[in-house]
Amino acid sequence: MQLKNSPKQNVNFIWLKSKTRLKLLKNILISIDMLHKFKKKHHNLYLILTASALIMFWNGLWGILDHYLFPENPLLSDSICIVLGLTFLFINDFSFNELEHPNLH
Protein backbone atom coordinates (compact mmCIF):
# COMPACT_ATOMS: atom_id res chain seq x y z
CA MET A 1 0.00 0.00 0.00
CA GLN A 2 1.48 3.33 -1.06
CA LEU A 3 1.01 6.39 1.13
CA LYS A 4 0.14 9.75 -0.36
CA ASN A 5 2.29 12.74 0.41
CA SER A 6 -0.31 14.85 2.12
CA PRO A 7 0.66 17.75 4.42
CA LYS A 8 -1.20 16.11 7.31
CA GLN A 9 0.86 12.93 7.03
CA ASN A 10 4.11 14.94 6.90
CA VAL A 11 3.14 16.85 10.04
CA ASN A 12 2.32 13.59 11.82
CA PHE A 13 5.66 12.13 10.75
CA ILE A 14 7.52 15.19 12.02
CA TRP A 15 5.60 15.07 15.29
CA LEU A 16 6.38 11.37 15.69
CA LYS A 17 10.03 12.06 15.00
CA SER A 18 10.04 14.83 17.60
CA LYS A 19 8.23 12.57 20.07
CA THR A 20 10.81 9.84 19.48
CA ARG A 21 13.62 12.33 20.10
CA LEU A 22 12.01 13.46 23.33
CA LYS A 23 11.60 9.85 24.44
CA LEU A 24 15.26 9.18 23.69
CA LEU A 25 16.32 12.29 25.62
CA LYS A 26 14.14 11.22 28.57
CA ASN A 27 15.74 7.74 28.54
CA ILE A 28 19.22 9.28 28.49
CA LEU A 29 18.40 11.51 31.45
CA ILE A 30 16.96 8.53 33.35
CA SER A 31 20.14 6.56 32.61
CA ILE A 32 22.32 9.39 33.87
CA ASP A 33 20.25 9.60 37.05
CA MET A 34 20.56 5.84 37.55
CA LEU A 35 24.32 6.11 37.03
CA HIS A 36 24.57 8.82 39.71
CA LYS A 37 22.56 6.69 42.15
CA PHE A 38 24.77 3.68 41.38
CA LYS A 39 27.87 5.82 41.91
CA LYS A 40 26.68 6.93 45.35
CA LYS A 41 25.52 3.47 46.44
CA HIS A 42 28.42 1.37 45.09
CA HIS A 43 31.35 3.79 45.09
CA ASN A 44 34.12 1.15 45.02
CA LEU A 45 32.53 -0.85 42.20
CA TYR A 46 32.01 2.39 40.27
CA LEU A 47 35.72 3.19 40.68
CA ILE A 48 36.66 -0.26 39.37
CA LEU A 49 34.36 0.16 36.34
CA THR A 50 35.74 3.64 35.68
CA ALA A 51 39.33 2.41 35.93
CA SER A 52 38.52 -0.44 33.52
CA ALA A 53 36.96 2.00 31.07
CA LEU A 54 40.03 4.22 31.25
CA ILE A 55 42.33 1.25 30.65
CA MET A 56 40.27 0.15 27.63
CA PHE A 57 40.32 3.69 26.25
CA TRP A 58 44.07 3.93 26.82
CA ASN A 59 44.63 0.56 25.11
CA GLY A 60 42.60 1.60 22.06
CA LEU A 61 44.28 4.98 21.82
CA TRP A 62 47.69 3.37 22.20
CA GLY A 63 46.91 1.00 19.31
CA ILE A 64 45.76 3.84 17.08
CA LEU A 65 48.85 5.89 17.91
CA ASP A 66 51.09 2.89 17.12
CA HIS A 67 49.59 2.78 13.62
CA TYR A 68 49.34 6.48 12.77
CA LEU A 69 51.80 8.55 14.82
CA PHE A 70 55.23 7.93 13.28
CA PRO A 71 54.83 4.13 12.95
CA GLU A 72 58.36 3.84 11.53
CA ASN A 73 59.92 5.59 14.54
CA PRO A 74 58.59 4.28 17.88
CA LEU A 75 60.98 6.42 19.96
CA LEU A 76 59.74 9.64 18.35
CA SER A 77 56.12 8.48 18.64
CA ASP A 78 56.50 7.68 22.35
CA SER A 79 58.33 10.94 23.00
CA ILE A 80 55.56 12.99 21.39
CA CYS A 81 52.95 11.12 23.44
CA ILE A 82 54.85 11.86 26.65
CA VAL A 83 55.20 15.55 25.78
CA LEU A 84 51.51 15.85 24.86
CA GLY A 85 50.47 14.08 28.06
CA LEU A 86 52.69 16.26 30.25
CA THR A 87 51.45 19.37 28.44
CA PHE A 88 47.85 18.40 29.19
CA LEU A 89 48.74 17.78 32.84
CA PHE A 90 50.53 21.12 33.03
CA ILE A 91 47.52 22.92 31.52
CA ASN A 92 45.31 21.08 34.00
CA ASP A 93 47.67 22.36 36.75
CA PHE A 94 48.42 18.78 37.85
CA SER A 95 45.04 18.92 39.60
CA PHE A 96 43.49 15.62 40.60
CA ASN A 97 40.95 16.85 43.15
CA GLU A 98 38.43 14.27 41.92
CA LEU A 99 40.72 11.49 43.08
CA GLU A 100 41.65 13.12 46.38
CA HIS A 101 38.11 14.03 47.48
CA PRO A 102 35.56 11.84 45.64
CA ASN A 103 32.62 12.84 47.85
CA LEU A 104 32.86 16.53 46.99
CA HIS A 105 31.44 16.09 43.47
C-alpha atoms as a PDB file:
ATOM      1  CA  MET A   1       0.000   0.000   0.000  1.00  0.00           C
ATOM      2  CA  GLN A   2       1.480   3.328  -1.060  1.00  0.00           C
ATOM      3  CA  LEU A   3       1.012   6.387   1.130  1.00  0.00           C
ATOM      4  CA  LYS A   4       0.137   9.754  -0.363  1.00  0.00           C
ATOM      5  CA  ASN A   5       2.290  12.743   0.411  1.00  0.00           C
ATOM      6  CA  SER A   6      -0.305  14.854   2.116  1.00  0.00           C
ATOM      7  CA  PRO A   7       0.659  17.749   4.423  1.00  0.00           C
ATOM      8  CA  LYS A   8      -1.204  16.113   7.308  1.00  0.00           C
ATOM      9  CA  GLN A   9       0.859  12.929   7.027  1.00  0.00           C
ATOM     10  CA  ASN A  10       4.107  14.935   6.900  1.00  0.00           C
ATOM     11  CA  VAL A  11       3.145  16.855  10.036  1.00  0.00           C
ATOM     12  CA  ASN A  12       2.321  13.591  11.822  1.00  0.00           C
ATOM     13  CA  PHE A  13       5.656  12.129  10.746  1.00  0.00           C
ATOM     14  CA  ILE A  14       7.520  15.188  12.019  1.00  0.00           C
ATOM     15  CA  TRP A  15       5.597  15.065  15.286  1.00  0.00           C
ATOM     16  CA  LEU A  16       6.383  11.373  15.694  1.00  0.00           C
ATOM     17  CA  LYS A  17      10.031  12.063  14.996  1.00  0.00           C
ATOM     18  CA  SER A  18      10.043  14.827  17.605  1.00  0.00           C
ATOM     19  CA  LYS A  19       8.233  12.565  20.071  1.00  0.00           C
ATOM     20  CA  THR A  20      10.814   9.844  19.479  1.00  0.00           C
ATOM     21  CA  ARG A  21      13.616  12.333  20.095  1.00  0.00           C
ATOM     22  CA  LEU A  22      12.006  13.463  23.331  1.00  0.00           C
ATOM     23  CA  LYS A  23      11.602   9.851  24.444  1.00  0.00           C
ATOM     24  CA  LEU A  24      15.261   9.179  23.687  1.00  0.00           C
ATOM     25  CA  LEU A  25      16.316  12.286  25.624  1.00  0.00           C
ATOM     26  CA  LYS A  26      14.144  11.219  28.565  1.00  0.00           C
ATOM     27  CA  ASN A  27      15.738   7.744  28.540  1.00  0.00           C
ATOM     28  CA  ILE A  28      19.220   9.277  28.491  1.00  0.00           C
ATOM     29  CA  LEU A  29      18.398  11.506  31.452  1.00  0.00           C
ATOM     30  CA  ILE A  30      16.957   8.533  33.355  1.00  0.00           C
ATOM     31  CA  SER A  31      20.137   6.555  32.612  1.00  0.00           C
ATOM     32  CA  ILE A  32      22.318   9.393  33.868  1.00  0.00           C
ATOM     33  CA  ASP A  33      20.248   9.604  37.050  1.00  0.00           C
ATOM     34  CA  MET A  34      20.560   5.836  37.548  1.00  0.00           C
ATOM     35  CA  LEU A  35      24.319   6.108  37.035  1.00  0.00           C
ATOM     36  CA  HIS A  36      24.572   8.823  39.708  1.00  0.00           C
ATOM     37  CA  LYS A  37      22.558   6.690  42.147  1.00  0.00           C
ATOM     38  CA  PHE A  38      24.770   3.677  41.379  1.00  0.00           C
ATOM     39  CA  LYS A  39      27.873   5.820  41.914  1.00  0.00           C
ATOM     40  CA  LYS A  40      26.681   6.928  45.350  1.00  0.00           C
ATOM     41  CA  LYS A  41      25.517   3.465  46.441  1.00  0.00           C
ATOM     42  CA  HIS A  42      28.422   1.373  45.086  1.00  0.00           C
ATOM     43  CA  HIS A  43      31.350   3.786  45.089  1.00  0.00           C
ATOM     44  CA  ASN A  44      34.120   1.155  45.022  1.00  0.00           C
ATOM     45  CA  LEU A  45      32.528  -0.848  42.200  1.00  0.00           C
ATOM     46  CA  TYR A  46      32.008   2.388  40.271  1.00  0.00           C
ATOM     47  CA  LEU A  47      35.724   3.186  40.677  1.00  0.00           C
ATOM     48  CA  ILE A  48      36.659  -0.264  39.367  1.00  0.00           C
ATOM     49  CA  LEU A  49      34.364   0.160  36.340  1.00  0.00           C
ATOM     50  CA  THR A  50      35.741   3.643  35.684  1.00  0.00           C
ATOM     51  CA  ALA A  51      39.327   2.409  35.928  1.00  0.00           C
ATOM     52  CA  SER A  52      38.517  -0.442  33.525  1.00  0.00           C
ATOM     53  CA  ALA A  53      36.961   1.997  31.065  1.00  0.00           C
ATOM     54  CA  LEU A  54      40.030   4.219  31.249  1.00  0.00           C
ATOM     55  CA  ILE A  55      42.334   1.254  30.650  1.00  0.00           C
ATOM     56  CA  MET A  56      40.266   0.146  27.634  1.00  0.00           C
ATOM     57  CA  PHE A  57      40.322   3.686  26.245  1.00  0.00           C
ATOM     58  CA  TRP A  58      44.066   3.929  26.821  1.00  0.00           C
ATOM     59  CA  ASN A  59      44.625   0.562  25.108  1.00  0.00           C
ATOM     60  CA  GLY A  60      42.600   1.598  22.057  1.00  0.00           C
ATOM     61  CA  LEU A  61      44.277   4.983  21.822  1.00  0.00           C
ATOM     62  CA  TRP A  62      47.687   3.368  22.199  1.00  0.00           C
ATOM     63  CA  GLY A  63      46.909   1.002  19.314  1.00  0.00           C
ATOM     64  CA  ILE A  64      45.765   3.841  17.082  1.00  0.00           C
ATOM     65  CA  LEU A  65      48.850   5.893  17.913  1.00  0.00           C
ATOM     66  CA  ASP A  66      51.085   2.892  17.118  1.00  0.00           C
ATOM     67  CA  HIS A  67      49.592   2.776  13.620  1.00  0.00           C
ATOM     68  CA  TYR A  68      49.341   6.479  12.769  1.00  0.00           C
ATOM     69  CA  LEU A  69      51.796   8.549  14.817  1.00  0.00           C
ATOM     70  CA  PHE A  70      55.227   7.932  13.282  1.00  0.00           C
ATOM     71  CA  PRO A  71      54.834   4.130  12.946  1.00  0.00           C
ATOM     72  CA  GLU A  72      58.359   3.840  11.527  1.00  0.00           C
ATOM     73  CA  ASN A  73      59.922   5.592  14.538  1.00  0.00           C
ATOM     74  CA  PRO A  74      58.593   4.277  17.879  1.00  0.00           C
ATOM     75  CA  LEU A  75      60.980   6.420  19.957  1.00  0.00           C
ATOM     76  CA  LEU A  76      59.739   9.642  18.349  1.00  0.00           C
ATOM     77  CA  SER A  77      56.120   8.482  18.645  1.00  0.00           C
ATOM     78  CA  ASP A  78      56.500   7.675  22.352  1.00  0.00           C
ATOM     79  CA  SER A  79      58.333  10.941  23.001  1.00  0.00           C
ATOM     80  CA  ILE A  80      55.563  12.987  21.387  1.00  0.00           C
ATOM     81  CA  CYS A  81      52.948  11.120  23.436  1.00  0.00           C
ATOM     82  CA  ILE A  82      54.854  11.861  26.654  1.00  0.00           C
ATOM     83  CA  VAL A  83      55.197  15.550  25.782  1.00  0.00           C
ATOM     84  CA  LEU A  84      51.506  15.846  24.858  1.00  0.00           C
ATOM     85  CA  GLY A  85      50.475  14.081  28.064  1.00  0.00           C
ATOM     86  CA  LEU A  86      52.692  16.261  30.250  1.00  0.00           C
ATOM     87  CA  THR A  87      51.449  19.368  28.439  1.00  0.00           C
ATOM     88  CA  PHE A  88      47.853  18.402  29.192  1.00  0.00           C
ATOM     89  CA  LEU A  89      48.739  17.775  32.838  1.00  0.00           C
ATOM     90  CA  PHE A  90      50.533  21.116  33.026  1.00  0.00           C
ATOM     91  CA  ILE A  91      47.520  22.918  31.519  1.00  0.00           C
ATOM     92  CA  ASN A  92      45.308  21.081  34.004  1.00  0.00           C
ATOM     93  CA  ASP A  93      47.667  22.362  36.755  1.00  0.00           C
ATOM     94  CA  PHE A  94      48.416  18.782  37.847  1.00  0.00           C
ATOM     95  CA  SER A  95      45.042  18.921  39.601  1.00  0.00           C
ATOM     96  CA  PHE A  96      43.491  15.617  40.598  1.00  0.00           C
ATOM     97  CA  ASN A  97      40.950  16.854  43.152  1.00  0.00           C
ATOM     98  CA  GLU A  98      38.432  14.275  41.922  1.00  0.00           C
ATOM     99  CA  LEU A  99      40.724  11.486  43.083  1.00  0.00           C
ATOM    100  CA  GLU A 100      41.649  13.120  46.381  1.00  0.00           C
ATOM    101  CA  HIS A 101      38.105  14.029  47.478  1.00  0.00           C
ATOM    102  CA  PRO A 102      35.558  11.841  45.636  1.00  0.00           C
ATOM    103  CA  ASN A 103      32.615  12.839  47.849  1.00  0.00           C
ATOM    104  CA  LEU A 104      32.855  16.533  46.994  1.00  0.00           C
ATOM    105  CA  HIS A 105      31.439  16.090  43.470  1.00  0.00           C
END
